[in-house]
Amino acid sequence: MFRHREPLTRSDLESITDDAHRYELVDGVLLMSPSPRPLHQRVVTRVLAAVVKECPRDCEALPAPVDVVLAEDTVLIPDVVVGRRADYTERALVGVPVLSVEVISPSSRLIDTKLKRAKLAEAGCPHYWIVDPYVPSVLCLSLADGEYVVAAEAKYDSTVTLELPFPVSLVPEDLVSDY
């Protein structure tokens, strides 16, 4: 069992033994997520494929698990993250991502739609997407004056088309379909 009386830090997080769970830190508080379900991973794979095709050369798009270090006491693991190549270290993306994407799971809905959204806005992440495979829907948010505003949104068989942070189009039903 991991016991700690003070707020946890990035180095505490790095000392946790790999046990197939995903651990994140928010303001020094440890969050744990179970392994994702196949539907979740299908959506992550398809979003990643769409993003990688258009990702600029000075950036790199990666799937979870990649630590995103926003502060010594805040380390998130987006389902898909796009960061500047210069901000990646051997262990993590250190600094603010260009784009963070979360695919909602039943156990992560509040964390993804409220907590991570707030922490990424506070850190200055310019683009945050939330994909809900259970609707299915894609909500694309852009940072304006320190708060996220809706840049684009699509449900079911509608297409969401974006120009920023780079051109990409997604159809929510195509992300979840098991063909």
N, C-alpha and C. Protein backbone atom coordinates (compact mmCIF):
# COMPACT_ATOMS: atom_id res chain seq x y z
N MET A 1 0.85 -1.18 0.00
CA MET A 1 0.00 0.00 0.00
C MET A 1 0.89 1.24 0.00
N PHE A 2 0.48 2.25 -0.73
CA PHE A 2 1.23 3.50 -0.85
C PHE A 2 0.67 4.51 0.14
N ARG A 3 1.47 4.91 1.13
CA ARG A 3 1.02 5.87 2.13
C ARG A 3 1.88 7.12 2.05
N HIS A 4 1.20 8.24 2.18
CA HIS A 4 1.91 9.50 2.08
C HIS A 4 1.06 10.57 2.75
N ARG A 5 1.65 11.40 3.57
CA ARG A 5 0.89 12.41 4.31
C ARG A 5 0.88 13.76 3.62
N GLU A 6 1.90 14.07 2.86
CA GLU A 6 1.98 15.35 2.17
C GLU A 6 1.49 15.19 0.74
N PRO A 7 1.20 16.31 0.07
CA PRO A 7 0.82 16.19 -1.34
C PRO A 7 1.92 15.45 -2.12
N LEU A 8 1.50 14.59 -3.01
CA LEU A 8 2.44 13.82 -3.81
C LEU A 8 3.05 14.70 -4.90
N THR A 9 4.21 14.27 -5.38
CA THR A 9 4.90 14.98 -6.45
C THR A 9 5.17 14.02 -7.60
N ARG A 10 5.69 14.58 -8.65
CA ARG A 10 6.06 13.79 -9.83
C ARG A 10 7.03 12.67 -9.46
N SER A 11 7.99 12.94 -8.60
CA SER A 11 8.96 11.89 -8.24
C SER A 11 8.28 10.78 -7.44
N ASP A 12 7.29 11.09 -6.61
CA ASP A 12 6.53 10.04 -5.92
C ASP A 12 5.80 9.17 -6.93
N LEU A 13 5.20 9.81 -7.92
CA LEU A 13 4.48 9.08 -8.96
C LEU A 13 5.40 8.13 -9.71
N GLU A 14 6.61 8.59 -10.01
CA GLU A 14 7.57 7.76 -10.75
C GLU A 14 8.06 6.58 -9.92
N SER A 15 7.91 6.64 -8.60
CA SER A 15 8.38 5.54 -7.74
C SER A 15 7.36 4.43 -7.57
N ILE A 16 6.14 4.62 -8.06
CA ILE A 16 5.10 3.59 -7.94
C ILE A 16 5.41 2.45 -8.90
N THR A 17 5.33 1.23 -8.40
CA THR A 17 5.60 0.05 -9.20
C THR A 17 4.55 -0.11 -10.29
N ASP A 18 5.00 -0.52 -11.46
CA ASP A 18 4.07 -0.74 -12.58
C ASP A 18 3.17 -1.92 -12.26
N ASP A 19 1.85 -1.64 -12.18
CA ASP A 19 0.90 -2.69 -11.85
C ASP A 19 -0.29 -2.72 -12.82
N ALA A 20 -0.09 -2.19 -14.03
CA ALA A 20 -1.10 -2.17 -15.10
C ALA A 20 -2.21 -1.15 -14.87
N HIS A 21 -2.11 -0.35 -13.84
CA HIS A 21 -3.05 0.74 -13.64
C HIS A 21 -2.41 2.04 -14.13
N ARG A 22 -3.27 3.00 -14.43
CA ARG A 22 -2.78 4.33 -14.83
C ARG A 22 -2.93 5.26 -13.64
N TYR A 23 -1.82 5.87 -13.24
CA TYR A 23 -1.83 6.79 -12.11
C TYR A 23 -1.57 8.20 -12.61
N GLU A 24 -2.39 9.13 -12.12
CA GLU A 24 -2.23 10.53 -12.44
C GLU A 24 -2.21 11.32 -11.15
N LEU A 25 -1.67 12.53 -11.21
CA LEU A 25 -1.65 13.42 -10.06
C LEU A 25 -2.38 14.71 -10.41
N VAL A 26 -3.23 15.16 -9.52
CA VAL A 26 -3.88 16.46 -9.68
C VAL A 26 -3.73 17.19 -8.36
N ASP A 27 -2.95 18.25 -8.39
CA ASP A 27 -2.69 19.04 -7.18
C ASP A 27 -2.20 18.16 -6.03
N GLY A 28 -1.36 17.18 -6.34
CA GLY A 28 -0.77 16.33 -5.32
C GLY A 28 -1.63 15.16 -4.88
N VAL A 29 -2.80 15.00 -5.48
CA VAL A 29 -3.71 13.90 -5.14
C VAL A 29 -3.60 12.83 -6.21
N LEU A 30 -3.43 11.58 -5.78
CA LEU A 30 -3.27 10.45 -6.68
C LEU A 30 -4.62 9.97 -7.21
N LEU A 31 -4.72 9.84 -8.54
CA LEU A 31 -5.90 9.26 -9.19
C LEU A 31 -5.47 7.97 -9.86
N MET A 32 -6.31 6.94 -9.78
CA MET A 32 -6.00 5.66 -10.40
C MET A 32 -7.12 5.28 -11.35
N SER A 33 -6.75 4.79 -12.54
CA SER A 33 -7.73 4.32 -13.52
C SER A 33 -7.43 2.88 -13.87
N PRO A 34 -8.48 2.07 -14.01
CA PRO A 34 -8.26 0.69 -14.44
C PRO A 34 -7.89 0.64 -15.92
N SER A 35 -7.49 -0.50 -16.38
CA SER A 35 -7.18 -0.67 -17.80
C SER A 35 -8.43 -0.37 -18.62
N PRO A 36 -8.24 0.29 -19.78
CA PRO A 36 -9.40 0.64 -20.60
C PRO A 36 -10.02 -0.57 -21.30
N ARG A 37 -11.28 -0.40 -21.69
CA ARG A 37 -12.04 -1.44 -22.39
C ARG A 37 -11.73 -1.39 -23.89
N PRO A 38 -12.05 -2.47 -24.62
CA PRO A 38 -11.79 -2.48 -26.07
C PRO A 38 -12.45 -1.32 -26.82
N LEU A 39 -13.69 -0.96 -26.50
CA LEU A 39 -14.34 0.17 -27.17
C LEU A 39 -13.52 1.44 -27.00
N HIS A 40 -13.07 1.68 -25.80
CA HIS A 40 -12.24 2.85 -25.50
C HIS A 40 -10.98 2.85 -26.36
N GLN A 41 -10.31 1.73 -26.44
CA GLN A 41 -9.06 1.64 -27.20
C GLN A 41 -9.31 1.75 -28.70
N ARG A 42 -10.44 1.25 -29.18
CA ARG A 42 -10.80 1.40 -30.59
C ARG A 42 -10.90 2.88 -30.93
N VAL A 43 -11.60 3.64 -30.10
CA VAL A 43 -11.76 5.07 -30.33
C VAL A 43 -10.42 5.79 -30.25
N VAL A 44 -9.61 5.47 -29.27
CA VAL A 44 -8.28 6.08 -29.13
C VAL A 44 -7.46 5.83 -30.40
N THR A 45 -7.47 4.61 -30.89
CA THR A 45 -6.70 4.25 -32.08
C THR A 45 -7.15 5.05 -33.29
N ARG A 46 -8.44 5.20 -33.46
CA ARG A 46 -8.96 5.92 -34.63
C ARG A 46 -8.75 7.42 -34.53
N VAL A 47 -8.89 7.98 -33.34
CA VAL A 47 -8.58 9.41 -33.17
C VAL A 47 -7.10 9.64 -33.45
N LEU A 48 -6.26 8.79 -32.89
CA LEU A 48 -4.81 8.92 -33.09
C LEU A 48 -4.47 8.86 -34.58
N ALA A 49 -5.07 7.91 -35.31
CA ALA A 49 -4.79 7.77 -36.74
C ALA A 49 -5.16 9.05 -37.50
N ALA A 50 -6.30 9.64 -37.17
CA ALA A 50 -6.73 10.87 -37.84
C ALA A 50 -5.80 12.03 -37.51
N VAL A 51 -5.38 12.11 -36.26
CA VAL A 51 -4.52 13.22 -35.81
C VAL A 51 -3.11 13.09 -36.38
N VAL A 52 -2.57 11.88 -36.37
CA VAL A 52 -1.20 11.66 -36.86
C VAL A 52 -1.05 12.09 -38.32
N LYS A 53 -2.08 11.84 -39.12
CA LYS A 53 -2.01 12.18 -40.55
C LYS A 53 -1.78 13.67 -40.79
N GLU A 54 -2.28 14.51 -39.90
CA GLU A 54 -2.22 15.96 -40.12
C GLU A 54 -1.30 16.69 -39.14
N CYS A 55 -0.74 15.97 -38.21
CA CYS A 55 0.10 16.58 -37.17
C CYS A 55 1.32 17.27 -37.80
N PRO A 56 1.58 18.53 -37.44
CA PRO A 56 2.74 19.22 -38.01
C PRO A 56 4.06 18.56 -37.60
N ARG A 57 5.09 18.79 -38.38
CA ARG A 57 6.38 18.13 -38.17
C ARG A 57 7.04 18.50 -36.84
N ASP A 58 6.75 19.68 -36.31
CA ASP A 58 7.38 20.08 -35.05
C ASP A 58 6.63 19.51 -33.83
N CYS A 59 5.58 18.73 -34.09
CA CYS A 59 4.79 18.12 -33.02
C CYS A 59 4.78 16.60 -33.18
N GLU A 60 4.38 15.92 -32.11
CA GLU A 60 4.22 14.47 -32.17
C GLU A 60 2.95 14.09 -31.42
N ALA A 61 2.15 13.21 -32.02
CA ALA A 61 0.92 12.70 -31.42
C ALA A 61 1.19 11.29 -30.90
N LEU A 62 0.82 11.05 -29.64
CA LEU A 62 1.05 9.75 -29.02
C LEU A 62 -0.19 9.31 -28.24
N PRO A 63 -0.41 7.98 -28.15
CA PRO A 63 -1.51 7.47 -27.32
C PRO A 63 -1.05 7.29 -25.88
N ALA A 64 -2.01 7.16 -24.98
CA ALA A 64 -1.69 6.85 -23.58
C ALA A 64 -1.02 5.48 -23.51
N PRO A 65 -0.20 5.27 -22.54
CA PRO A 65 0.12 6.17 -21.44
C PRO A 65 1.37 7.01 -21.70
N VAL A 66 1.20 8.31 -21.74
CA VAL A 66 2.31 9.27 -21.77
C VAL A 66 2.02 10.29 -20.69
N ASP A 67 2.92 10.42 -19.74
CA ASP A 67 2.76 11.43 -18.70
C ASP A 67 2.88 12.81 -19.30
N VAL A 68 1.96 13.70 -18.90
CA VAL A 68 2.02 15.11 -19.27
C VAL A 68 2.21 15.86 -17.96
N VAL A 69 3.41 16.41 -17.79
CA VAL A 69 3.76 17.09 -16.55
C VAL A 69 3.40 18.56 -16.67
N LEU A 70 2.31 18.94 -16.00
CA LEU A 70 1.88 20.33 -16.01
C LEU A 70 2.52 21.11 -14.86
N ALA A 71 2.82 20.40 -13.76
CA ALA A 71 3.49 20.98 -12.59
C ALA A 71 4.05 19.81 -11.79
N GLU A 72 4.88 20.09 -10.80
CA GLU A 72 5.45 19.00 -10.00
C GLU A 72 4.39 18.19 -9.28
N ASP A 73 3.21 18.79 -9.03
CA ASP A 73 2.14 18.07 -8.34
C ASP A 73 0.96 17.73 -9.26
N THR A 74 1.13 17.93 -10.57
CA THR A 74 0.04 17.63 -11.51
C THR A 74 0.60 16.96 -12.76
N VAL A 75 0.30 15.68 -12.89
CA VAL A 75 0.75 14.86 -14.01
C VAL A 75 -0.46 14.11 -14.55
N LEU A 76 -0.85 14.43 -15.78
CA LEU A 76 -2.01 13.81 -16.39
C LEU A 76 -1.59 12.82 -17.47
N ILE A 77 -2.50 11.92 -17.82
CA ILE A 77 -2.27 10.97 -18.90
C ILE A 77 -3.46 11.05 -19.85
N PRO A 78 -3.40 11.93 -20.86
CA PRO A 78 -4.49 11.99 -21.84
C PRO A 78 -4.53 10.71 -22.67
N ASP A 79 -5.70 10.41 -23.24
CA ASP A 79 -5.80 9.24 -24.10
C ASP A 79 -5.02 9.43 -25.39
N VAL A 80 -5.01 10.65 -25.91
CA VAL A 80 -4.17 11.03 -27.05
C VAL A 80 -3.62 12.40 -26.70
N VAL A 81 -2.33 12.58 -26.91
CA VAL A 81 -1.71 13.87 -26.64
C VAL A 81 -0.86 14.29 -27.83
N VAL A 82 -0.94 15.57 -28.17
CA VAL A 82 -0.07 16.15 -29.18
C VAL A 82 0.76 17.20 -28.47
N GLY A 83 2.08 17.03 -28.57
CA GLY A 83 2.98 17.98 -27.94
C GLY A 83 4.07 18.39 -28.91
N ARG A 84 4.71 19.49 -28.58
CA ARG A 84 5.86 19.92 -29.37
C ARG A 84 7.01 18.95 -29.12
N ARG A 85 7.67 18.55 -30.17
CA ARG A 85 8.77 17.57 -30.03
C ARG A 85 9.80 18.04 -29.01
N ALA A 86 10.05 19.33 -28.96
CA ALA A 86 11.04 19.88 -28.03
C ALA A 86 10.62 19.70 -26.57
N ASP A 87 9.33 19.49 -26.30
CA ASP A 87 8.84 19.35 -24.93
C ASP A 87 8.83 17.92 -24.41
N TYR A 88 9.10 16.96 -25.29
CA TYR A 88 9.16 15.56 -24.86
C TYR A 88 10.54 15.25 -24.30
N THR A 89 10.55 14.56 -23.16
CA THR A 89 11.79 14.03 -22.60
C THR A 89 11.73 12.52 -22.78
N GLU A 90 12.70 11.84 -22.24
CA GLU A 90 12.70 10.38 -22.30
C GLU A 90 11.51 9.79 -21.53
N ARG A 91 11.02 10.50 -20.50
CA ARG A 91 9.98 9.97 -19.62
C ARG A 91 8.59 10.57 -19.83
N ALA A 92 8.51 11.80 -20.39
CA ALA A 92 7.22 12.49 -20.37
C ALA A 92 7.19 13.66 -21.35
N LEU A 93 6.00 14.22 -21.48
CA LEU A 93 5.83 15.52 -22.13
C LEU A 93 5.83 16.52 -20.98
N VAL A 94 6.83 17.37 -20.95
CA VAL A 94 6.96 18.33 -19.87
C VAL A 94 6.51 19.69 -20.38
N GLY A 95 5.37 20.12 -19.88
CA GLY A 95 4.79 21.38 -20.32
C GLY A 95 3.41 21.16 -20.89
N VAL A 96 2.90 22.23 -21.48
CA VAL A 96 1.53 22.25 -21.97
C VAL A 96 1.43 21.59 -23.34
N PRO A 97 0.51 20.63 -23.50
CA PRO A 97 0.31 20.03 -24.82
C PRO A 97 -0.35 21.01 -25.79
N VAL A 98 -0.20 20.73 -27.06
CA VAL A 98 -0.89 21.47 -28.11
C VAL A 98 -2.36 21.02 -28.16
N LEU A 99 -2.56 19.72 -27.95
CA LEU A 99 -3.89 19.12 -27.96
C LEU A 99 -3.92 17.96 -26.98
N SER A 100 -4.99 17.90 -26.21
CA SER A 100 -5.22 16.78 -25.30
C SER A 100 -6.59 16.21 -25.63
N VAL A 101 -6.67 14.88 -25.78
CA VAL A 101 -7.93 14.22 -26.12
C VAL A 101 -8.24 13.19 -25.04
N GLU A 102 -9.48 13.23 -24.57
CA GLU A 102 -9.95 12.22 -23.62
C GLU A 102 -11.13 11.47 -24.22
N VAL A 103 -11.08 10.15 -24.10
CA VAL A 103 -12.19 9.29 -24.49
C VAL A 103 -12.86 8.86 -23.19
N ILE A 104 -14.11 9.22 -23.06
CA ILE A 104 -14.82 8.98 -21.80
C ILE A 104 -15.06 7.49 -21.58
N SER A 105 -14.80 7.08 -20.36
CA SER A 105 -15.16 5.75 -19.87
C SER A 105 -16.18 5.95 -18.76
N PRO A 106 -16.98 4.93 -18.45
CA PRO A 106 -17.95 5.10 -17.37
C PRO A 106 -17.32 5.60 -16.06
N SER A 107 -16.14 5.12 -15.75
CA SER A 107 -15.49 5.50 -14.49
C SER A 107 -14.77 6.85 -14.56
N SER A 108 -14.60 7.42 -15.75
CA SER A 108 -13.80 8.64 -15.87
C SER A 108 -14.59 9.87 -16.30
N ARG A 109 -15.89 9.75 -16.45
CA ARG A 109 -16.70 10.85 -17.01
C ARG A 109 -16.46 12.18 -16.28
N LEU A 110 -16.59 12.22 -14.98
CA LEU A 110 -16.41 13.48 -14.25
C LEU A 110 -14.97 13.97 -14.29
N ILE A 111 -14.03 13.05 -14.19
CA ILE A 111 -12.62 13.44 -14.24
C ILE A 111 -12.29 14.07 -15.59
N ASP A 112 -12.76 13.45 -16.68
CA ASP A 112 -12.45 13.95 -18.02
C ASP A 112 -13.19 15.24 -18.36
N THR A 113 -14.47 15.32 -17.99
CA THR A 113 -15.27 16.48 -18.39
C THR A 113 -15.12 17.68 -17.46
N LYS A 114 -14.69 17.46 -16.25
CA LYS A 114 -14.58 18.57 -15.28
C LYS A 114 -13.15 18.80 -14.82
N LEU A 115 -12.57 17.80 -14.14
CA LEU A 115 -11.27 17.99 -13.50
C LEU A 115 -10.14 18.21 -14.50
N LYS A 116 -9.98 17.28 -15.45
CA LYS A 116 -8.89 17.43 -16.43
C LYS A 116 -9.12 18.67 -17.30
N ARG A 117 -10.35 18.89 -17.66
CA ARG A 117 -10.69 20.08 -18.45
C ARG A 117 -10.24 21.35 -17.72
N ALA A 118 -10.53 21.44 -16.44
CA ALA A 118 -10.15 22.63 -15.65
C ALA A 118 -8.64 22.75 -15.52
N LYS A 119 -7.96 21.64 -15.26
CA LYS A 119 -6.49 21.70 -15.08
C LYS A 119 -5.79 22.06 -16.38
N LEU A 120 -6.27 21.53 -17.50
CA LEU A 120 -5.65 21.84 -18.79
C LEU A 120 -5.92 23.29 -19.20
N ALA A 121 -7.11 23.79 -18.90
CA ALA A 121 -7.41 25.21 -19.18
C ALA A 121 -6.51 26.10 -18.33
N GLU A 122 -6.38 25.76 -17.07
CA GLU A 122 -5.52 26.52 -16.15
C GLU A 122 -4.07 26.53 -16.63
N ALA A 123 -3.62 25.41 -17.19
CA ALA A 123 -2.24 25.31 -17.67
C ALA A 123 -2.04 26.02 -19.01
N GLY A 124 -3.14 26.29 -19.72
CA GLY A 124 -3.03 26.99 -21.01
C GLY A 124 -3.02 26.08 -22.22
N CYS A 125 -3.53 24.84 -22.09
CA CYS A 125 -3.61 23.93 -23.24
C CYS A 125 -4.62 24.49 -24.23
N PRO A 126 -4.20 24.82 -25.45
CA PRO A 126 -5.09 25.52 -26.37
C PRO A 126 -6.24 24.69 -26.94
N HIS A 127 -6.12 23.36 -26.96
CA HIS A 127 -7.16 22.52 -27.56
C HIS A 127 -7.40 21.28 -26.70
N TYR A 128 -8.67 21.03 -26.40
CA TYR A 128 -9.08 19.88 -25.58
C TYR A 128 -10.30 19.25 -26.23
N TRP A 129 -10.21 17.97 -26.56
CA TRP A 129 -11.32 17.26 -27.18
C TRP A 129 -11.81 16.18 -26.22
N ILE A 130 -13.13 16.04 -26.17
CA ILE A 130 -13.76 15.00 -25.37
C ILE A 130 -14.60 14.14 -26.31
N VAL A 131 -14.27 12.86 -26.35
CA VAL A 131 -14.99 11.91 -27.20
C VAL A 131 -15.81 11.00 -26.28
N ASP A 132 -17.11 10.95 -26.52
CA ASP A 132 -17.98 10.08 -25.74
C ASP A 132 -18.46 8.94 -26.65
N PRO A 133 -17.88 7.76 -26.49
CA PRO A 133 -18.26 6.64 -27.36
C PRO A 133 -19.66 6.11 -27.09
N TYR A 134 -20.26 6.49 -25.98
CA TYR A 134 -21.57 5.97 -25.61
C TYR A 134 -22.71 6.77 -26.23
N VAL A 135 -22.42 7.93 -26.84
CA VAL A 135 -23.47 8.71 -27.50
C VAL A 135 -23.61 8.27 -28.97
N PRO A 136 -22.63 8.24 -29.82
CA PRO A 136 -21.26 8.76 -29.79
C PRO A 136 -21.22 10.25 -30.17
N SER A 137 -20.20 10.95 -29.62
CA SER A 137 -20.06 12.38 -29.89
C SER A 137 -18.60 12.80 -29.75
N VAL A 138 -18.30 13.95 -30.37
CA VAL A 138 -16.98 14.57 -30.26
C VAL A 138 -17.23 16.03 -29.93
N LEU A 139 -16.63 16.49 -28.84
CA LEU A 139 -16.70 17.88 -28.42
C LEU A 139 -15.30 18.45 -28.49
N CYS A 140 -15.11 19.46 -29.34
CA CYS A 140 -13.79 20.07 -29.52
C CYS A 140 -13.80 21.46 -28.89
N LEU A 141 -12.94 21.65 -27.92
CA LEU A 141 -12.87 22.91 -27.18
C LEU A 141 -11.59 23.65 -27.50
N SER A 142 -11.68 24.97 -27.53
CA SER A 142 -10.50 25.82 -27.73
C SER A 142 -10.44 26.82 -26.59
N LEU A 143 -9.24 27.15 -26.18
CA LEU A 143 -9.04 28.07 -25.07
C LEU A 143 -9.22 29.51 -25.54
N ALA A 144 -10.06 30.26 -24.83
CA ALA A 144 -10.28 31.68 -25.12
C ALA A 144 -10.38 32.41 -23.79
N ASP A 145 -9.47 33.34 -23.56
CA ASP A 145 -9.46 34.10 -22.30
C ASP A 145 -9.45 33.19 -21.08
N GLY A 146 -8.65 32.11 -21.15
CA GLY A 146 -8.47 31.22 -20.01
C GLY A 146 -9.58 30.21 -19.79
N GLU A 147 -10.57 30.17 -20.68
CA GLU A 147 -11.66 29.20 -20.54
C GLU A 147 -11.91 28.51 -21.86
N TYR A 148 -12.38 27.27 -21.78
CA TYR A 148 -12.69 26.54 -23.00
C TYR A 148 -14.05 26.96 -23.56
N VAL A 149 -14.06 27.14 -24.88
CA VAL A 149 -15.30 27.41 -25.60
C VAL A 149 -15.42 26.34 -26.68
N VAL A 150 -16.65 26.07 -27.10
CA VAL A 150 -16.87 25.05 -28.11
C VAL A 150 -16.39 25.55 -29.47
N ALA A 151 -15.44 24.82 -30.05
CA ALA A 151 -14.93 25.13 -31.39
C ALA A 151 -15.72 24.35 -32.44
N ALA A 152 -16.12 23.13 -32.08
CA ALA A 152 -16.90 22.29 -32.97
C ALA A 152 -17.47 21.13 -32.16
N GLU A 153 -18.57 20.57 -32.67
CA GLU A 153 -19.21 19.45 -31.98
C GLU A 153 -19.97 18.63 -33.00
N ALA A 154 -19.94 17.32 -32.82
CA ALA A 154 -20.70 16.43 -33.71
C ALA A 154 -21.19 15.23 -32.92
N LYS A 155 -22.34 14.71 -33.37
CA LYS A 155 -22.90 13.50 -32.79
C LYS A 155 -23.27 12.55 -33.91
N TYR A 156 -23.26 11.28 -33.56
CA TYR A 156 -23.68 10.21 -34.46
C TYR A 156 -22.95 10.24 -35.80
N ASP A 157 -23.67 10.46 -36.91
CA ASP A 157 -23.04 10.39 -38.23
C ASP A 157 -22.67 11.77 -38.79
N SER A 158 -22.77 12.80 -37.97
CA SER A 158 -22.34 14.14 -38.40
C SER A 158 -20.82 14.21 -38.38
N THR A 159 -20.28 15.11 -39.17
CA THR A 159 -18.82 15.28 -39.24
C THR A 159 -18.41 16.53 -38.49
N VAL A 160 -17.38 16.40 -37.67
CA VAL A 160 -16.76 17.57 -37.05
C VAL A 160 -15.49 17.85 -37.86
N THR A 161 -15.39 19.09 -38.33
CA THR A 161 -14.24 19.49 -39.14
C THR A 161 -13.56 20.68 -38.47
N LEU A 162 -12.26 20.55 -38.27
CA LEU A 162 -11.48 21.59 -37.60
C LEU A 162 -10.32 22.03 -38.47
N GLU A 163 -9.90 23.25 -38.27
CA GLU A 163 -8.69 23.77 -38.90
C GLU A 163 -7.57 23.90 -37.87
N LEU A 164 -7.93 24.05 -36.60
CA LEU A 164 -6.93 24.22 -35.53
C LEU A 164 -7.06 23.11 -34.51
N PRO A 165 -5.99 22.54 -34.00
CA PRO A 165 -4.61 23.00 -34.19
C PRO A 165 -4.02 22.62 -35.54
N PHE A 166 -4.76 21.79 -36.31
CA PHE A 166 -4.39 21.42 -37.67
C PHE A 166 -5.65 20.82 -38.29
N PRO A 167 -5.73 20.76 -39.61
CA PRO A 167 -6.95 20.26 -40.24
C PRO A 167 -7.22 18.78 -39.91
N VAL A 168 -8.43 18.51 -39.46
CA VAL A 168 -8.83 17.14 -39.18
C VAL A 168 -10.36 17.07 -39.20
N SER A 169 -10.88 15.92 -39.65
CA SER A 169 -12.32 15.66 -39.65
C SER A 169 -12.56 14.33 -38.96
N LEU A 170 -13.62 14.29 -38.15
CA LEU A 170 -13.98 13.07 -37.43
C LEU A 170 -15.49 12.87 -37.50
N VAL A 171 -15.90 11.61 -37.63
CA VAL A 171 -17.31 11.24 -37.58
C VAL A 171 -17.46 10.33 -36.36
N PRO A 172 -18.20 10.76 -35.35
CA PRO A 172 -18.28 9.97 -34.11
C PRO A 172 -18.66 8.50 -34.32
N GLU A 173 -19.64 8.21 -35.17
CA GLU A 173 -20.03 6.81 -35.38
C GLU A 173 -18.89 5.99 -35.99
N ASP A 174 -18.08 6.60 -36.83
CA ASP A 174 -16.94 5.87 -37.41
C ASP A 174 -15.89 5.54 -36.35
N LEU A 175 -15.81 6.35 -35.31
CA LEU A 175 -14.83 6.10 -34.24
C LEU A 175 -15.19 4.89 -33.40
N VAL A 176 -16.49 4.59 -33.29
CA VAL A 176 -16.92 3.49 -32.42
C VAL A 176 -17.30 2.22 -33.16
N SER A 177 -17.54 2.32 -34.47
CA SER A 177 -18.01 1.19 -35.25
C SER A 177 -17.03 0.02 -35.19
N ASP A 178 -17.57 -1.19 -35.04
CA ASP A 178 -16.70 -2.38 -35.05
C ASP A 178 -16.69 -3.04 -36.43
N TYR A 179 -17.17 -2.30 -37.44
CA TYR A 179 -17.24 -2.76 -38.85
C TYR A 179 -17.51 -4.23 -38.91
